[in-house]
Amino acid sequence: MRLQLVETAARLLDEHGRDGVTVRSLAREVGASTQAVYTHFDGVDAVLLEVCREAFRRFGAALDEPAVTDDPVADWMTQGWGYRRFALRNPHLYHAMFGAGLAELRYQRPEDVDAAACTFLSLLVRLERCRDSGRWTVDDVFTSGEVVWAVVHGHLQIELTGYFASMGRDAGATFEAASRRVALGFGDDPALINVSIRKARRRAQTADRN
């Protein structure tokens, strides 16, 4: 019931905004009394905070899931595809993590700040491997991570609005092109990028089927 309440709160938040998440609406959606909410949580804010925590737990697992291989650029690209897959399959959780509505809840406690930061650290580890392999020139790993995140997150913000579908555009092709241009920007060899892209595409297609 606790997890059901969290999932339901995330969906209501995505569909109706924060004002649409109340004790009564949660109880109604899960087919229980309001007491069921108070049995597991102190109130709506506690439910929403758990939504953020659960979202970051699942997001972190998705980012760490891709295997580490002898091609660090393909590994980085595969992680990017995993980021996109998570956002598309869990838009309610993605919006809970990065939307403005729950910012004051997400960053109240140091442990929650750390949990969110760990997902960014997962990206930085992959960038460091690209640098250490000699394929990329990365002067400032943290800033480089922010640049990559801005590209990936920006794409997903646009894709989740339905823009690509409404325009008849191939969102996956645009996402791949963005990855290619980022790698080029870090000084990678175009021929090696093509090899890494093919590897990452195959791995992403396999993961998409699961």
N, C-alpha and C. Protein backbone atom coordinates (compact mmCIF):
# COMPACT_ATOMS: atom_id res chain seq x y z
N MET A 1 0.82 -1.20 0.00
CA MET A 1 0.00 0.00 0.00
C MET A 1 0.86 1.26 0.00
N ARG A 2 1.97 1.21 0.73
CA ARG A 2 2.86 2.38 0.79
C ARG A 2 3.38 2.73 -0.61
N LEU A 3 3.86 1.72 -1.34
CA LEU A 3 4.38 1.96 -2.68
C LEU A 3 3.25 2.39 -3.62
N GLN A 4 2.08 1.82 -3.44
CA GLN A 4 0.94 2.19 -4.27
C GLN A 4 0.57 3.66 -4.07
N LEU A 5 0.65 4.11 -2.84
CA LEU A 5 0.37 5.52 -2.54
C LEU A 5 1.41 6.43 -3.20
N VAL A 6 2.65 6.00 -3.17
CA VAL A 6 3.73 6.80 -3.78
C VAL A 6 3.53 6.88 -5.29
N GLU A 7 3.26 5.75 -5.93
CA GLU A 7 3.04 5.73 -7.37
C GLU A 7 1.82 6.59 -7.75
N THR A 8 0.77 6.48 -6.97
CA THR A 8 -0.44 7.24 -7.25
C THR A 8 -0.19 8.73 -7.08
N ALA A 9 0.53 9.10 -6.04
CA ALA A 9 0.84 10.51 -5.81
C ALA A 9 1.67 11.08 -6.96
N ALA A 10 2.62 10.30 -7.47
CA ALA A 10 3.44 10.75 -8.58
C ALA A 10 2.59 10.98 -9.82
N ARG A 11 1.65 10.09 -10.06
CA ARG A 11 0.77 10.23 -11.24
C ARG A 11 -0.14 11.44 -11.10
N LEU A 12 -0.75 11.61 -9.92
CA LEU A 12 -1.63 12.76 -9.69
C LEU A 12 -0.87 14.07 -9.80
N LEU A 13 0.36 14.07 -9.29
CA LEU A 13 1.19 15.26 -9.37
C LEU A 13 1.45 15.63 -10.82
N ASP A 14 1.74 14.63 -11.63
CA ASP A 14 2.04 14.86 -13.04
C ASP A 14 0.81 15.34 -13.81
N GLU A 15 -0.35 14.79 -13.45
CA GLU A 15 -1.58 15.10 -14.19
C GLU A 15 -2.26 16.39 -13.72
N HIS A 16 -2.18 16.67 -12.42
CA HIS A 16 -2.99 17.76 -11.86
C HIS A 16 -2.18 18.80 -11.08
N GLY A 17 -0.88 18.60 -10.96
CA GLY A 17 -0.10 19.53 -10.16
C GLY A 17 -0.21 19.22 -8.68
N ARG A 18 0.52 19.98 -7.90
CA ARG A 18 0.58 19.69 -6.47
C ARG A 18 -0.78 19.81 -5.79
N ASP A 19 -1.59 20.75 -6.22
CA ASP A 19 -2.90 20.93 -5.59
C ASP A 19 -3.81 19.73 -5.81
N GLY A 20 -3.49 18.91 -6.81
CA GLY A 20 -4.31 17.74 -7.07
C GLY A 20 -3.97 16.54 -6.21
N VAL A 21 -2.92 16.67 -5.40
CA VAL A 21 -2.51 15.58 -4.51
C VAL A 21 -2.96 15.91 -3.10
N THR A 22 -4.03 15.28 -2.66
CA THR A 22 -4.54 15.46 -1.31
C THR A 22 -4.74 14.09 -0.67
N VAL A 23 -4.95 14.10 0.62
CA VAL A 23 -5.21 12.83 1.31
C VAL A 23 -6.45 12.16 0.73
N ARG A 24 -7.46 12.96 0.46
CA ARG A 24 -8.71 12.40 -0.08
C ARG A 24 -8.50 11.84 -1.49
N SER A 25 -7.79 12.59 -2.33
CA SER A 25 -7.60 12.11 -3.71
C SER A 25 -6.74 10.85 -3.73
N LEU A 26 -5.75 10.78 -2.87
CA LEU A 26 -4.92 9.57 -2.80
C LEU A 26 -5.74 8.37 -2.36
N ALA A 27 -6.53 8.58 -1.29
CA ALA A 27 -7.34 7.48 -0.77
C ALA A 27 -8.35 7.01 -1.83
N ARG A 28 -8.95 7.96 -2.51
CA ARG A 28 -9.94 7.62 -3.53
C ARG A 28 -9.31 6.82 -4.66
N GLU A 29 -8.14 7.24 -5.11
CA GLU A 29 -7.49 6.59 -6.25
C GLU A 29 -7.03 5.17 -5.93
N VAL A 30 -6.63 4.93 -4.69
CA VAL A 30 -6.17 3.58 -4.33
C VAL A 30 -7.30 2.72 -3.78
N GLY A 31 -8.49 3.30 -3.66
CA GLY A 31 -9.64 2.55 -3.19
C GLY A 31 -9.58 2.22 -1.71
N ALA A 32 -9.11 3.19 -0.91
CA ALA A 32 -8.99 2.97 0.53
C ALA A 32 -9.52 4.19 1.27
N SER A 33 -9.52 4.09 2.57
CA SER A 33 -9.94 5.22 3.39
C SER A 33 -8.76 6.17 3.59
N THR A 34 -9.05 7.37 4.04
CA THR A 34 -7.97 8.34 4.30
C THR A 34 -7.02 7.83 5.39
N GLN A 35 -7.52 6.96 6.25
CA GLN A 35 -6.67 6.41 7.30
C GLN A 35 -5.51 5.62 6.72
N ALA A 36 -5.70 5.04 5.54
CA ALA A 36 -4.61 4.28 4.91
C ALA A 36 -3.43 5.18 4.62
N VAL A 37 -3.70 6.43 4.25
CA VAL A 37 -2.60 7.37 4.00
C VAL A 37 -1.86 7.66 5.29
N TYR A 38 -2.61 7.95 6.36
CA TYR A 38 -1.98 8.30 7.63
C TYR A 38 -1.32 7.12 8.32
N THR A 39 -1.70 5.93 7.92
CA THR A 39 -1.03 4.75 8.47
C THR A 39 0.42 4.68 8.01
N HIS A 40 0.67 5.13 6.79
CA HIS A 40 2.00 5.02 6.21
C HIS A 40 2.77 6.34 6.18
N PHE A 41 2.06 7.47 6.23
CA PHE A 41 2.72 8.76 6.11
C PHE A 41 2.10 9.77 7.07
N ASP A 42 2.87 10.82 7.39
CA ASP A 42 2.38 11.86 8.28
C ASP A 42 1.43 12.83 7.58
N GLY A 43 1.46 12.82 6.26
CA GLY A 43 0.60 13.72 5.51
C GLY A 43 1.03 13.74 4.05
N VAL A 44 0.43 14.65 3.28
CA VAL A 44 0.69 14.70 1.85
C VAL A 44 2.14 15.06 1.56
N ASP A 45 2.71 16.00 2.30
CA ASP A 45 4.10 16.39 2.05
C ASP A 45 5.04 15.20 2.23
N ALA A 46 4.76 14.37 3.20
CA ALA A 46 5.59 13.18 3.43
C ALA A 46 5.47 12.20 2.26
N VAL A 47 4.29 12.10 1.70
CA VAL A 47 4.10 11.24 0.52
C VAL A 47 4.89 11.79 -0.66
N LEU A 48 4.80 13.09 -0.88
CA LEU A 48 5.49 13.72 -2.00
C LEU A 48 7.00 13.64 -1.85
N LEU A 49 7.48 13.76 -0.63
CA LEU A 49 8.91 13.62 -0.40
C LEU A 49 9.36 12.20 -0.75
N GLU A 50 8.56 11.22 -0.41
CA GLU A 50 8.89 9.84 -0.75
C GLU A 50 8.82 9.62 -2.26
N VAL A 51 7.95 10.34 -2.95
CA VAL A 51 7.92 10.28 -4.41
C VAL A 51 9.28 10.69 -4.97
N CYS A 52 9.81 11.80 -4.47
CA CYS A 52 11.13 12.26 -4.92
C CYS A 52 12.21 11.24 -4.63
N ARG A 53 12.19 10.69 -3.43
CA ARG A 53 13.21 9.72 -3.05
C ARG A 53 13.13 8.46 -3.91
N GLU A 54 11.92 7.96 -4.13
CA GLU A 54 11.76 6.77 -4.95
C GLU A 54 12.19 7.05 -6.39
N ALA A 55 11.87 8.24 -6.88
CA ALA A 55 12.26 8.61 -8.24
C ALA A 55 13.77 8.61 -8.39
N PHE A 56 14.47 9.22 -7.46
CA PHE A 56 15.93 9.27 -7.55
C PHE A 56 16.56 7.89 -7.36
N ARG A 57 15.94 7.04 -6.54
CA ARG A 57 16.46 5.68 -6.39
C ARG A 57 16.39 4.93 -7.72
N ARG A 58 15.25 5.00 -8.37
CA ARG A 58 15.06 4.28 -9.64
C ARG A 58 15.91 4.92 -10.75
N PHE A 59 16.00 6.23 -10.75
CA PHE A 59 16.78 6.93 -11.75
C PHE A 59 18.26 6.57 -11.60
N GLY A 60 18.75 6.58 -10.37
CA GLY A 60 20.14 6.22 -10.13
C GLY A 60 20.45 4.81 -10.58
N ALA A 61 19.52 3.89 -10.33
CA ALA A 61 19.72 2.50 -10.76
C ALA A 61 19.77 2.41 -12.28
N ALA A 62 18.93 3.19 -12.96
CA ALA A 62 18.92 3.18 -14.42
C ALA A 62 20.22 3.72 -14.99
N LEU A 63 20.80 4.73 -14.35
CA LEU A 63 22.04 5.31 -14.84
C LEU A 63 23.24 4.39 -14.59
N ASP A 64 23.19 3.65 -13.50
CA ASP A 64 24.31 2.76 -13.16
C ASP A 64 24.22 1.41 -13.85
N GLU A 65 23.07 1.10 -14.41
CA GLU A 65 22.84 -0.23 -14.97
C GLU A 65 23.75 -0.58 -16.15
N PRO A 66 23.99 0.33 -17.11
CA PRO A 66 24.80 -0.05 -18.27
C PRO A 66 26.18 -0.55 -17.88
N ALA A 67 26.58 -1.66 -18.47
CA ALA A 67 27.87 -2.27 -18.12
C ALA A 67 29.04 -1.39 -18.54
N VAL A 68 30.15 -1.54 -17.83
CA VAL A 68 31.40 -0.87 -18.18
C VAL A 68 32.18 -1.79 -19.10
N THR A 69 32.57 -1.29 -20.27
CA THR A 69 33.28 -2.09 -21.26
C THR A 69 34.60 -1.42 -21.60
N ASP A 70 35.24 -1.91 -22.65
CA ASP A 70 36.51 -1.33 -23.07
C ASP A 70 36.31 -0.12 -23.99
N ASP A 71 35.06 0.28 -24.21
CA ASP A 71 34.76 1.47 -25.00
C ASP A 71 34.02 2.47 -24.11
N PRO A 72 34.76 3.38 -23.46
CA PRO A 72 34.12 4.29 -22.51
C PRO A 72 33.14 5.26 -23.15
N VAL A 73 33.36 5.61 -24.41
CA VAL A 73 32.44 6.52 -25.08
C VAL A 73 31.11 5.82 -25.37
N ALA A 74 31.18 4.56 -25.79
CA ALA A 74 29.95 3.79 -25.97
C ALA A 74 29.23 3.62 -24.64
N ASP A 75 29.99 3.44 -23.56
CA ASP A 75 29.38 3.31 -22.23
C ASP A 75 28.66 4.59 -21.84
N TRP A 76 29.30 5.74 -22.13
CA TRP A 76 28.68 7.03 -21.83
C TRP A 76 27.40 7.21 -22.66
N MET A 77 27.47 6.87 -23.93
CA MET A 77 26.29 6.99 -24.78
C MET A 77 25.17 6.06 -24.33
N THR A 78 25.54 4.86 -23.92
CA THR A 78 24.54 3.90 -23.44
C THR A 78 23.86 4.42 -22.18
N GLN A 79 24.62 5.06 -21.32
CA GLN A 79 24.02 5.67 -20.14
C GLN A 79 23.03 6.76 -20.55
N GLY A 80 23.40 7.54 -21.57
CA GLY A 80 22.49 8.57 -22.06
C GLY A 80 21.19 7.99 -22.58
N TRP A 81 21.29 6.88 -23.30
CA TRP A 81 20.06 6.22 -23.76
C TRP A 81 19.24 5.72 -22.57
N GLY A 82 19.93 5.27 -21.52
CA GLY A 82 19.21 4.84 -20.33
C GLY A 82 18.50 5.99 -19.64
N TYR A 83 19.13 7.16 -19.64
CA TYR A 83 18.51 8.37 -19.11
C TYR A 83 17.21 8.65 -19.86
N ARG A 84 17.32 8.63 -21.19
CA ARG A 84 16.14 8.91 -22.01
C ARG A 84 15.05 7.87 -21.78
N ARG A 85 15.43 6.61 -21.73
CA ARG A 85 14.46 5.54 -21.53
C ARG A 85 13.71 5.73 -20.21
N PHE A 86 14.45 6.06 -19.15
CA PHE A 86 13.81 6.27 -17.85
C PHE A 86 12.79 7.40 -17.93
N ALA A 87 13.18 8.51 -18.54
CA ALA A 87 12.29 9.66 -18.61
C ALA A 87 11.03 9.35 -19.40
N LEU A 88 11.17 8.63 -20.51
CA LEU A 88 10.02 8.33 -21.36
C LEU A 88 9.09 7.30 -20.72
N ARG A 89 9.68 6.37 -19.98
CA ARG A 89 8.86 5.34 -19.34
C ARG A 89 8.27 5.81 -18.02
N ASN A 90 8.88 6.82 -17.41
CA ASN A 90 8.44 7.29 -16.09
C ASN A 90 8.34 8.81 -16.06
N PRO A 91 7.55 9.41 -16.94
CA PRO A 91 7.50 10.88 -16.96
C PRO A 91 7.01 11.48 -15.65
N HIS A 92 6.13 10.75 -14.95
CA HIS A 92 5.64 11.26 -13.67
C HIS A 92 6.76 11.36 -12.65
N LEU A 93 7.68 10.37 -12.64
CA LEU A 93 8.81 10.42 -11.72
C LEU A 93 9.85 11.44 -12.18
N TYR A 94 10.04 11.53 -13.49
CA TYR A 94 11.01 12.48 -14.03
C TYR A 94 10.61 13.92 -13.66
N HIS A 95 9.34 14.22 -13.80
CA HIS A 95 8.86 15.56 -13.45
C HIS A 95 8.96 15.81 -11.95
N ALA A 96 8.76 14.77 -11.16
CA ALA A 96 8.89 14.93 -9.72
C ALA A 96 10.33 15.28 -9.34
N MET A 97 11.30 14.69 -10.04
CA MET A 97 12.71 14.95 -9.74
C MET A 97 13.15 16.34 -10.17
N PHE A 98 12.68 16.78 -11.33
CA PHE A 98 13.24 17.98 -11.92
C PHE A 98 12.26 19.14 -12.09
N GLY A 99 10.99 18.89 -11.81
CA GLY A 99 10.03 19.98 -11.89
C GLY A 99 10.17 20.95 -10.73
N ALA A 100 9.60 22.13 -10.90
CA ALA A 100 9.75 23.17 -9.88
C ALA A 100 8.85 22.94 -8.66
N GLY A 101 7.80 22.17 -8.82
CA GLY A 101 6.79 22.07 -7.78
C GLY A 101 7.24 21.51 -6.45
N LEU A 102 8.25 20.62 -6.46
CA LEU A 102 8.66 19.97 -5.21
C LEU A 102 10.07 20.36 -4.78
N ALA A 103 10.58 21.47 -5.29
CA ALA A 103 11.97 21.84 -5.01
C ALA A 103 12.24 21.98 -3.53
N GLU A 104 11.30 22.58 -2.80
CA GLU A 104 11.54 22.81 -1.36
C GLU A 104 11.52 21.51 -0.57
N LEU A 105 10.87 20.47 -1.11
CA LEU A 105 10.88 19.17 -0.44
C LEU A 105 12.13 18.38 -0.80
N ARG A 106 12.56 18.48 -2.07
CA ARG A 106 13.70 17.68 -2.52
C ARG A 106 14.98 18.02 -1.79
N TYR A 107 15.13 19.26 -1.38
CA TYR A 107 16.42 19.70 -0.87
C TYR A 107 16.38 20.13 0.59
N GLN A 108 15.43 19.60 1.34
CA GLN A 108 15.33 19.94 2.76
C GLN A 108 16.41 19.26 3.60
N ARG A 109 16.72 18.01 3.27
CA ARG A 109 17.60 17.21 4.12
C ARG A 109 18.87 16.85 3.36
N PRO A 110 20.03 16.87 4.06
CA PRO A 110 21.30 16.59 3.39
C PRO A 110 21.31 15.24 2.67
N GLU A 111 20.68 14.23 3.26
CA GLU A 111 20.70 12.91 2.64
C GLU A 111 19.95 12.89 1.31
N ASP A 112 18.92 13.74 1.21
CA ASP A 112 18.19 13.81 -0.06
C ASP A 112 19.00 14.57 -1.11
N VAL A 113 19.71 15.59 -0.68
CA VAL A 113 20.60 16.32 -1.59
C VAL A 113 21.69 15.37 -2.10
N ASP A 114 22.23 14.57 -1.20
CA ASP A 114 23.29 13.61 -1.58
C ASP A 114 22.77 12.57 -2.56
N ALA A 115 21.54 12.10 -2.34
CA ALA A 115 20.97 11.09 -3.22
C ALA A 115 20.80 11.64 -4.64
N ALA A 116 20.37 12.88 -4.73
CA ALA A 116 20.23 13.51 -6.04
C ALA A 116 21.60 13.72 -6.68
N ALA A 117 22.57 14.13 -5.87
CA ALA A 117 23.91 14.39 -6.39
C ALA A 117 24.57 13.12 -6.91
N CYS A 118 24.23 11.99 -6.33
CA CYS A 118 24.84 10.72 -6.76
C CYS A 118 24.49 10.39 -8.21
N THR A 119 23.32 10.81 -8.66
CA THR A 119 22.95 10.54 -10.04
C THR A 119 23.84 11.36 -10.99
N PHE A 120 24.22 12.56 -10.57
CA PHE A 120 25.12 13.38 -11.37
C PHE A 120 26.54 12.81 -11.31
N LEU A 121 26.92 12.32 -10.15
CA LEU A 121 28.24 11.71 -10.00
C LEU A 121 28.40 10.51 -10.92
N SER A 122 27.32 9.77 -11.14
CA SER A 122 27.36 8.62 -12.05
C SER A 122 27.76 9.05 -13.45
N LEU A 123 27.28 10.21 -13.88
CA LEU A 123 27.67 10.76 -15.18
C LEU A 123 29.13 11.16 -15.18
N LEU A 124 29.57 11.80 -14.11
CA LEU A 124 30.96 12.28 -14.05
C LEU A 124 31.95 11.12 -14.13
N VAL A 125 31.61 10.00 -13.53
CA VAL A 125 32.48 8.82 -13.59
C VAL A 125 32.66 8.38 -15.04
N ARG A 126 31.58 8.39 -15.80
CA ARG A 126 31.67 7.99 -17.21
C ARG A 126 32.48 8.99 -18.02
N LEU A 127 32.33 10.27 -17.70
CA LEU A 127 33.11 11.28 -18.41
C LEU A 127 34.60 11.15 -18.10
N GLU A 128 34.91 10.84 -16.87
CA GLU A 128 36.32 10.65 -16.49
C GLU A 128 36.94 9.50 -17.27
N ARG A 129 36.18 8.43 -17.49
CA ARG A 129 36.70 7.30 -18.25
C ARG A 129 36.96 7.70 -19.71
N CYS A 130 36.08 8.53 -20.27
CA CYS A 130 36.31 9.01 -21.64
C CYS A 130 37.58 9.85 -21.70
N ARG A 131 37.79 10.66 -20.68
CA ARG A 131 39.00 11.48 -20.63
C ARG A 131 40.24 10.61 -20.43
N ASP A 132 40.16 9.69 -19.48
CA ASP A 132 41.34 8.87 -19.16
C ASP A 132 41.73 7.94 -20.29
N SER A 133 40.79 7.64 -21.16
CA SER A 133 41.11 6.78 -22.31
C SER A 133 41.92 7.52 -23.37
N GLY A 134 41.97 8.84 -23.26
CA GLY A 134 42.68 9.65 -24.24
C GLY A 134 41.83 10.10 -25.41
N ARG A 135 40.58 9.68 -25.43
CA ARG A 135 39.72 10.05 -26.56
C ARG A 135 39.14 11.45 -26.40
N TRP A 136 38.92 11.86 -25.17
CA TRP A 136 38.31 13.17 -24.94
C TRP A 136 39.27 14.09 -24.20
N THR A 137 39.16 15.37 -24.49
CA THR A 137 39.87 16.40 -23.74
C THR A 137 38.86 17.06 -22.80
N VAL A 138 39.02 16.83 -21.52
CA VAL A 138 38.08 17.34 -20.52
C VAL A 138 38.89 18.11 -19.47
N ASP A 139 38.83 19.42 -19.51
CA ASP A 139 39.60 20.23 -18.57
C ASP A 139 38.94 20.29 -17.20
N ASP A 140 37.63 20.36 -17.18
CA ASP A 140 36.87 20.49 -15.93
C ASP A 140 35.73 19.47 -15.99
N VAL A 141 35.87 18.38 -15.26
CA VAL A 141 34.89 17.30 -15.34
C VAL A 141 33.51 17.76 -14.87
N PHE A 142 33.47 18.53 -13.82
CA PHE A 142 32.18 18.96 -13.27
C PHE A 142 31.43 19.84 -14.27
N THR A 143 32.12 20.83 -14.82
CA THR A 143 31.48 21.70 -15.80
C THR A 143 31.08 20.91 -17.05
N SER A 144 31.95 20.00 -17.46
CA SER A 144 31.62 19.16 -18.62
C SER A 144 30.36 18.33 -18.35
N GLY A 145 30.23 17.84 -17.12
CA GLY A 145 29.03 17.11 -16.75
C GLY A 145 27.79 17.98 -16.83
N GLU A 146 27.91 19.23 -16.41
CA GLU A 146 26.77 20.14 -16.50
C GLU A 146 26.38 20.39 -17.96
N VAL A 147 27.39 20.49 -18.83
CA VAL A 147 27.11 20.69 -20.25
C VAL A 147 26.35 19.48 -20.82
N VAL A 148 26.85 18.29 -20.51
CA VAL A 148 26.20 17.07 -21.02
C VAL A 148 24.78 16.97 -20.48
N TRP A 149 24.62 17.23 -19.20
CA TRP A 149 23.29 17.16 -18.59
C TRP A 149 22.34 18.16 -19.24
N ALA A 150 22.84 19.37 -19.52
CA ALA A 150 22.00 20.38 -20.15
C ALA A 150 21.50 19.90 -21.51
N VAL A 151 22.38 19.23 -22.26
CA VAL A 151 21.99 18.73 -23.58
C VAL A 151 20.94 17.62 -23.45
N VAL A 152 21.22 16.64 -22.60
CA VAL A 152 20.32 15.50 -22.46
C VAL A 152 18.99 15.92 -21.84
N HIS A 153 19.07 16.66 -20.76
CA HIS A 153 17.84 17.10 -20.07
C HIS A 153 17.03 18.02 -20.97
N GLY A 154 17.71 18.90 -21.69
CA GLY A 154 17.00 19.79 -22.60
C GLY A 154 16.25 19.02 -23.67
N HIS A 155 16.90 17.99 -24.20
CA HIS A 155 16.23 17.17 -25.20
C HIS A 155 14.98 16.53 -24.62
N LEU A 156 15.10 15.96 -23.42
CA LEU A 156 13.95 15.27 -22.82
C LEU A 156 12.83 16.22 -22.47
N GLN A 157 13.18 17.41 -22.04
CA GLN A 157 12.14 18.39 -21.75
C GLN A 157 11.33 18.68 -23.01
N ILE A 158 12.00 18.76 -24.14
CA ILE A 158 11.31 19.00 -25.41
C ILE A 158 10.53 17.75 -25.83
N GLU A 159 11.17 16.59 -25.74
CA GLU A 159 10.52 15.37 -26.20
C GLU A 159 9.26 15.05 -25.40
N LEU A 160 9.31 15.30 -24.10
CA LEU A 160 8.16 14.99 -23.25
C LEU A 160 6.97 15.90 -23.51
N THR A 161 7.19 17.02 -24.18
CA THR A 161 6.06 17.87 -24.55
C THR A 161 5.29 17.29 -25.75
N GLY A 162 5.89 16.31 -26.43
CA GLY A 162 5.28 15.74 -27.62
C GLY A 162 5.68 16.45 -28.90
N TYR A 163 6.66 17.35 -28.81
CA TYR A 163 7.05 18.13 -29.98
C TYR A 163 7.49 17.25 -31.15
N PHE A 164 8.41 16.33 -30.90
CA PHE A 164 8.96 15.53 -32.01
C PHE A 164 7.88 14.72 -32.69
N ALA A 165 7.03 14.10 -31.88
CA ALA A 165 5.95 13.28 -32.45
C ALA A 165 4.99 14.15 -33.27
N SER A 166 4.64 15.32 -32.75
CA SER A 166 3.68 16.18 -33.45
C SER A 166 4.24 16.72 -34.75
N MET A 167 5.56 16.86 -34.82
CA MET A 167 6.21 17.39 -36.02
C MET A 167 6.66 16.29 -36.97
N GLY A 168 6.41 15.04 -36.60
CA GLY A 168 6.84 13.92 -37.43
C GLY A 168 8.35 13.75 -37.46
N ARG A 169 8.99 14.18 -36.40
CA ARG A 169 10.44 14.10 -36.31
C ARG A 169 10.85 12.84 -35.55
N ASP A 170 12.03 12.31 -35.86
CA ASP A 170 12.57 11.14 -35.18
C ASP A 170 13.36 11.60 -33.97
N ALA A 171 12.75 11.51 -32.80
CA ALA A 171 13.40 11.99 -31.58
C ALA A 171 14.67 11.22 -31.28
N GLY A 172 14.66 9.91 -31.56
CA GLY A 172 15.85 9.10 -31.31
C GLY A 172 17.02 9.53 -32.17
N ALA A 173 16.75 9.88 -33.42
CA ALA A 173 17.81 10.33 -34.31
C ALA A 173 18.39 11.66 -33.84
N THR A 174 17.54 12.55 -33.36
CA THR A 174 18.02 13.82 -32.84
C THR A 174 18.85 13.61 -31.59
N PHE A 175 18.41 12.68 -30.73
CA PHE A 175 19.15 12.39 -29.50
C PHE A 175 20.53 11.83 -29.84
N GLU A 176 20.58 10.94 -30.80
CA GLU A 176 21.86 10.36 -31.21
C GLU A 176 22.77 11.44 -31.82
N ALA A 177 22.19 12.32 -32.61
CA ALA A 177 22.98 13.39 -33.21
C ALA A 177 23.56 14.30 -32.13
N ALA A 178 22.79 14.54 -31.08
CA ALA A 178 23.29 15.37 -29.98
C ALA A 178 24.48 14.69 -29.30
N SER A 179 24.39 13.38 -29.10
CA SER A 179 25.49 12.64 -28.50
C SER A 179 26.75 12.72 -29.37
N ARG A 180 26.55 12.59 -30.67
CA ARG A 180 27.68 12.67 -31.60
C ARG A 180 28.36 14.04 -31.50
N ARG A 181 27.56 15.09 -31.47
CA ARG A 181 28.13 16.43 -31.44
C ARG A 181 28.82 16.74 -30.12
N VAL A 182 28.30 16.20 -29.05
CA VAL A 182 28.99 16.36 -27.77
C VAL A 182 30.36 15.69 -27.81
N ALA A 183 30.39 14.45 -28.32
CA ALA A 183 31.66 13.73 -28.42
C ALA A 183 32.65 14.48 -29.31
N LEU A 184 32.17 15.02 -30.42
CA LEU A 184 33.04 15.81 -31.29
C LEU A 184 33.56 17.05 -30.57
N GLY A 185 32.69 17.65 -29.77
CA GLY A 185 33.08 18.84 -29.03
C GLY A 185 34.18 18.57 -28.02
N PHE A 186 34.24 17.35 -27.52
CA PHE A 186 35.30 16.97 -26.59
C PHE A 186 36.54 16.47 -27.31
N GLY A 187 36.54 16.57 -28.63
CA GLY A 187 37.75 16.26 -29.40
C GLY A 187 37.89 14.82 -29.84
N ASP A 188 36.82 14.06 -29.81
CA ASP A 188 36.90 12.65 -30.20
C ASP A 188 37.09 12.51 -31.70
N ASP A 189 37.61 11.36 -32.10
CA ASP A 189 37.82 11.05 -33.51
C ASP A 189 36.50 10.63 -34.15
N PRO A 190 36.10 11.24 -35.28
CA PRO A 190 34.80 10.91 -35.90
C PRO A 190 34.63 9.43 -36.21
N ALA A 191 35.69 8.76 -36.67
CA ALA A 191 35.58 7.34 -36.99
C ALA A 191 35.32 6.51 -35.74
N LEU A 192 36.00 6.85 -34.65
CA LEU A 192 35.79 6.14 -33.39
C LEU A 192 34.40 6.42 -32.83
N ILE A 193 33.93 7.63 -33.02
CA ILE A 193 32.57 7.96 -32.58
C ILE A 193 31.56 7.08 -33.28
N ASN A 194 31.73 6.88 -34.57
CA ASN A 194 30.79 6.04 -35.32
C ASN A 194 30.75 4.62 -34.76
N VAL A 195 31.92 4.09 -34.41
CA VAL A 195 31.98 2.75 -33.83
C VAL A 195 31.25 2.71 -32.49
N SER A 196 31.50 3.72 -31.66
CA SER A 196 30.86 3.78 -30.34
C SER A 196 29.36 3.94 -30.46
N ILE A 197 28.92 4.74 -31.40
CA ILE A 197 27.48 4.93 -31.60
C ILE A 197 26.81 3.62 -31.99
N ARG A 198 27.43 2.86 -32.87
CA ARG A 198 26.84 1.57 -33.27
C ARG A 198 26.73 0.63 -32.07
N LYS A 199 27.76 0.59 -31.24
CA LYS A 199 27.71 -0.26 -30.05
C LYS A 199 26.61 0.19 -29.10
N ALA A 200 26.56 1.50 -28.84
CA ALA A 200 25.57 2.03 -27.91
C ALA A 200 24.15 1.82 -28.43
N ARG A 201 23.98 1.98 -29.76
CA ARG A 201 22.65 1.79 -30.34
C ARG A 201 22.18 0.36 -30.15
N ARG A 202 23.07 -0.60 -30.37
CA ARG A 202 22.69 -2.02 -30.20
C ARG A 202 22.33 -2.28 -28.73
N ARG A 203 23.12 -1.77 -27.83
CA ARG A 203 22.83 -2.00 -26.41
C ARG A 203 21.52 -1.35 -26.00
N ALA A 204 21.26 -0.16 -26.51
CA ALA A 204 20.02 0.53 -26.18
C ALA A 204 18.81 -0.21 -26.74
N GLN A 205 18.94 -0.73 -27.95
CA GLN A 205 17.82 -1.47 -28.56
C GLN A 205 17.51 -2.73 -27.76
N THR A 206 18.56 -3.39 -27.27
CA THR A 206 18.33 -4.57 -26.44
C THR A 206 17.62 -4.19 -25.15
N ALA A 207 18.06 -3.11 -24.53
CA ALA A 207 17.43 -2.67 -23.28
C ALA A 207 16.00 -2.21 -23.52
N ASP A 208 15.73 -1.60 -24.65
CA ASP A 208 14.38 -1.14 -24.96
C ASP A 208 13.38 -2.29 -25.05
N ARG A 209 13.88 -3.45 -25.43
CA ARG A 209 12.98 -4.61 -25.57
C ARG A 209 12.65 -5.24 -24.23
N ASN A 210 13.38 -4.89 -23.22
CA ASN A 210 13.14 -5.47 -21.89
C ASN A 210 12.13 -4.65 -21.09
